[in-house]
Protein backbone atom coordinates (compact mmCIF):
# COMPACT_ATOMS: atom_id res chain seq x y z
CA MET A 1 -31.87 17.09 35.92
CA LYS A 2 -32.21 20.49 34.22
CA VAL A 3 -28.52 21.22 34.88
CA LYS A 4 -27.49 17.95 33.21
CA TYR A 5 -29.63 18.72 30.15
CA ARG A 6 -28.20 22.22 29.92
CA LYS A 7 -24.65 20.84 30.04
CA ALA A 8 -25.47 18.27 27.38
CA ILE A 9 -26.98 20.94 25.12
CA ILE A 10 -23.97 23.21 25.61
CA VAL A 11 -21.56 20.38 24.79
CA PHE A 12 -23.61 19.53 21.68
CA ILE A 13 -23.62 23.15 20.48
CA VAL A 14 -19.88 23.55 21.12
CA SER A 15 -19.22 20.32 19.19
CA ILE A 16 -21.19 21.57 16.20
CA CYS A 17 -19.35 24.90 16.30
CA LEU A 18 -15.97 23.19 16.47
CA CYS A 19 -16.83 20.94 13.54
CA SER A 20 -17.90 23.90 11.43
CA CYS A 21 -14.89 26.00 12.48
CA PHE A 22 -12.40 23.23 11.71
CA PRO A 23 -13.33 21.59 8.40
CA CYS A 24 -12.00 18.18 7.38
CA ILE A 25 -8.53 18.43 5.83
CA THR A 26 -7.51 15.93 3.15
CA LEU A 27 -3.87 14.79 3.26
CA LEU A 28 -2.33 13.21 0.16
CA PHE A 29 1.13 11.72 -0.30
CA GLU A 30 3.71 13.55 -2.37
CA LYS A 31 5.13 11.45 -5.22
CA ASP A 32 8.47 10.92 -3.41
CA GLU A 33 6.86 9.64 -0.19
CA THR A 34 5.32 6.38 -1.39
CA TYR A 35 8.49 4.34 -2.01
CA TRP A 36 7.72 2.43 1.21
CA THR A 37 4.79 0.75 -0.53
CA ASP A 38 5.47 1.24 -4.27
CA VAL A 39 7.96 -1.61 -4.25
CA TYR A 40 5.39 -4.31 -3.41
CA ASN A 41 2.19 -5.55 -5.04
CA LYS A 42 -0.24 -8.33 -4.21
CA ASN A 43 1.13 -11.83 -5.04
CA ASP A 44 4.79 -10.73 -5.09
CA LYS A 45 7.22 -13.20 -3.54
CA ILE A 46 10.60 -12.08 -2.22
CA VAL A 47 13.31 -14.68 -1.70
CA PHE A 48 16.14 -14.25 0.82
CA ALA A 49 19.27 -16.43 1.07
CA SER A 50 20.97 -17.29 4.36
CA ASN A 51 24.66 -16.76 5.07
CA TYR A 52 24.58 -20.31 6.53
CA ASN A 53 24.22 -21.77 3.02
CA ASN A 54 26.95 -24.13 1.88
CA SER A 55 27.31 -26.93 -0.66
CA LEU A 56 25.32 -29.35 1.54
CA THR A 57 22.62 -27.18 3.08
CA LYS A 58 20.53 -24.39 1.61
CA HIS A 59 18.45 -22.02 3.72
CA TYR A 60 15.99 -19.64 2.08
CA ASP A 61 13.18 -17.52 3.49
CA THR A 62 10.29 -16.34 1.33
CA ILE A 63 7.99 -13.42 1.98
CA SER A 64 4.62 -13.47 0.20
CA ILE A 65 2.65 -10.26 -0.27
CA LEU A 66 -0.94 -11.24 0.47
CA ASN A 67 -2.69 -7.93 0.00
CA LYS A 68 -2.10 -4.23 -0.63
CA THR A 69 -4.85 -1.85 0.44
CA ARG A 70 -5.00 1.85 -0.35
CA ASN A 71 -7.27 4.31 1.42
CA ILE A 72 -8.14 7.26 -0.80
CA PRO A 73 -9.39 10.26 1.21
CA ASP A 74 -12.95 11.33 0.48
CA GLY A 75 -13.00 14.43 2.70
CA ASN A 76 -15.06 12.85 5.47
CA CYS A 77 -13.28 12.94 8.82
CA ASN A 78 -14.30 10.89 11.81
CA GLU A 79 -15.06 12.44 15.19
CA ALA A 80 -11.54 11.85 16.54
CA THR A 81 -9.61 13.81 13.94
CA ARG A 82 -10.02 16.63 11.44
CA TYR A 83 -7.68 14.94 8.94
CA ASP A 84 -8.57 12.43 6.24
CA SER A 85 -5.26 10.85 5.19
CA GLU A 86 -4.22 8.77 2.23
CA SER A 87 -2.81 5.49 3.51
CA TYR A 88 -1.57 2.03 2.53
CA VAL A 89 -1.47 -1.32 4.32
CA ILE A 90 0.57 -4.24 2.98
CA ASP A 91 -0.16 -7.68 4.45
CA TYR A 92 2.28 -10.56 4.18
CA SER A 93 3.29 -13.97 5.45
CA PHE A 94 6.71 -15.54 5.55
CA LYS A 95 8.13 -19.03 5.22
CA HIS A 96 11.12 -19.75 7.46
CA ASP A 97 12.51 -23.27 7.06
CA THR A 98 9.36 -25.40 6.95
CA ILE A 99 7.19 -23.04 9.01
CA ILE A 100 4.72 -20.65 7.37
CA SER A 101 3.60 -17.68 9.47
CA GLU A 102 0.10 -16.36 9.79
CA SER A 103 -0.90 -13.20 7.94
CA ASP A 104 0.41 -9.94 9.42
CA TYR A 105 1.05 -6.45 8.14
CA LEU A 106 4.47 -5.57 6.76
CA VAL A 107 3.81 -1.85 6.20
CA GLN A 108 1.22 0.63 7.48
CA HIS A 109 1.81 4.05 5.95
CA ALA A 110 -0.42 7.09 6.42
CA LYS A 111 0.21 10.65 5.29
CA GLN A 112 1.02 12.88 8.27
CA GLU A 113 0.09 16.52 8.67
CA LYS A 114 3.65 17.71 9.25
CA GLY A 115 7.13 16.38 8.63
CA ALA A 116 8.16 13.14 6.99
CA SER A 117 5.48 10.46 6.87
CA ILE A 118 7.37 7.48 8.29
CA PRO A 119 5.48 4.18 8.19
CA VAL A 120 5.03 1.48 10.78
CA LEU A 121 7.09 -1.54 9.65
CA ARG A 122 6.67 -5.02 11.13
CA VAL A 123 9.26 -7.56 10.00
CA TYR A 124 9.12 -10.99 11.63
CA GLY A 125 7.49 -9.50 14.74
CA LEU A 126 10.01 -6.66 15.10
CA GLU A 127 7.94 -3.47 14.81
CA TYR A 128 9.32 -0.01 14.13
CA SER A 129 6.98 2.92 14.75
CA LYS A 130 9.21 5.87 15.61
CA ASP A 131 9.75 9.13 13.77
CA PHE A 132 13.44 9.02 12.88
CA LEU A 133 15.46 7.05 10.33
CA LYS A 134 19.05 5.78 10.30
CA ASP A 135 20.71 5.86 6.86
CA THR A 136 23.01 3.04 5.88
CA ILE A 137 24.77 1.49 2.89
CA ILE A 138 25.06 -2.27 2.45
CA VAL A 139 26.68 -4.67 0.00
CA LEU A 140 24.71 -7.85 -0.62
CA ASN A 141 26.81 -10.99 -0.87
CA THR A 142 23.93 -12.72 -2.70
CA THR A 143 23.97 -10.33 -5.67
CA LYS A 144 27.27 -8.45 -5.17
CA MET A 145 25.20 -5.27 -5.32
CA GLU A 146 25.95 -2.12 -3.31
CA ILE A 147 22.75 -0.46 -2.12
CA LYS A 148 23.07 3.15 -0.98
CA ASP A 149 19.42 4.08 -0.37
CA CYS A 150 18.89 2.08 2.82
CA TYR A 151 17.61 2.57 6.35
CA SER A 152 18.56 0.26 9.22
CA PHE A 153 16.27 -0.73 12.09
CA HIS A 154 17.48 -2.33 15.32
CA LYS A 155 15.80 -4.26 18.10
CA LYS A 156 16.58 -1.59 20.72
CA ASP A 157 14.46 0.94 18.76
CA CYS A 158 11.57 -1.45 18.09
CA TYR A 159 8.71 -3.22 19.77
CA ASN A 160 9.62 -6.90 19.89
CA GLY A 161 6.46 -8.91 19.24
CA TRP A 162 5.98 -12.63 19.00
CA SER A 163 7.49 -14.44 16.03
CA LEU A 164 8.65 -17.94 15.16
CA PHE A 165 12.04 -16.55 14.12
CA LYS A 166 13.39 -13.74 16.28
CA ILE A 167 15.40 -11.06 14.51
CA LYS A 168 17.59 -8.30 15.90
CA THR A 169 17.90 -6.00 12.90
CA PHE A 170 16.59 -5.40 9.40
CA VAL A 171 17.48 -3.10 6.49
CA TRP A 172 15.02 -1.45 4.10
CA SER A 173 15.92 -0.03 0.67
CA LYS A 174 13.89 2.70 -1.05
CA LYS A 175 14.19 0.87 -4.36
CA LEU A 176 13.98 -2.80 -3.28
CA GLY A 177 12.09 -2.80 0.02
CA LEU A 178 13.29 -5.27 2.64
CA VAL A 179 16.83 -6.33 1.66
CA MET A 180 18.31 -7.88 4.78
CA PHE A 181 17.45 -9.17 8.24
CA VAL A 182 19.54 -10.82 10.94
CA GLY A 183 18.27 -13.37 13.42
CA GLU A 184 19.15 -13.31 17.11
CA ASN A 185 21.11 -16.50 16.41
CA GLY A 186 23.37 -14.58 13.99
CA GLU A 187 21.88 -16.02 10.80
CA LYS A 188 21.72 -13.29 8.15
CA PHE A 189 19.28 -13.36 5.24
CA GLU A 190 19.92 -11.19 2.18
CA TYR A 191 17.70 -10.27 -0.74
CA LEU A 192 18.10 -12.72 -3.62
CA LYS A 193 15.20 -12.01 -5.96
CA LYS A 194 11.61 -10.82 -6.26
CA ILE A 195 9.11 -12.91 -8.19
CA THR A 196 6.16 -10.89 -9.45
CA LYS A 197 2.89 -12.34 -10.68
CA GLY A 198 3.85 -11.56 -14.27
CA ASN A 199 7.08 -13.58 -14.25
CA GLN A 200 6.25 -16.59 -12.06
């Protein structure tokens, strides 16, 4: 029993020494890193138009921003890490045809110690959580607008979770947020407009 107590005491002392040797480090976003979440606020609605629209049928999807949470570091680290990071979580739901999804997160973004702080994005169950980005340029048929500040995300690079509407790719703009997504059935939805609480 004495050996066990000695080991426990040694582990405790080493833990205290490590904590005092490695103080908690606060990580804050740089101004140019928060575009992933700056674009959305609680109660925003983003409308997307389908390429299947014609004079007889109209297909629109709507994303509703349910909540936007910001964690502001206070310099208190937990036992698992010596970093206290600024972070954001944006929760949303979507309406596809007549079906409304349950609440899920759209963006989880935490400041990283080194390199670019790339968020976790989850669009219609397709989740991207890797550390590289693919630049792209798109032209939206809905608005005739060329968007040059985009990243594309494809199913082969993502975790494919459960969703009512399966997609195979999506495109994210620094300025506009989600601007396009394509279903596995080939139906493409493009950004049409954003309705903010102030102009509903």
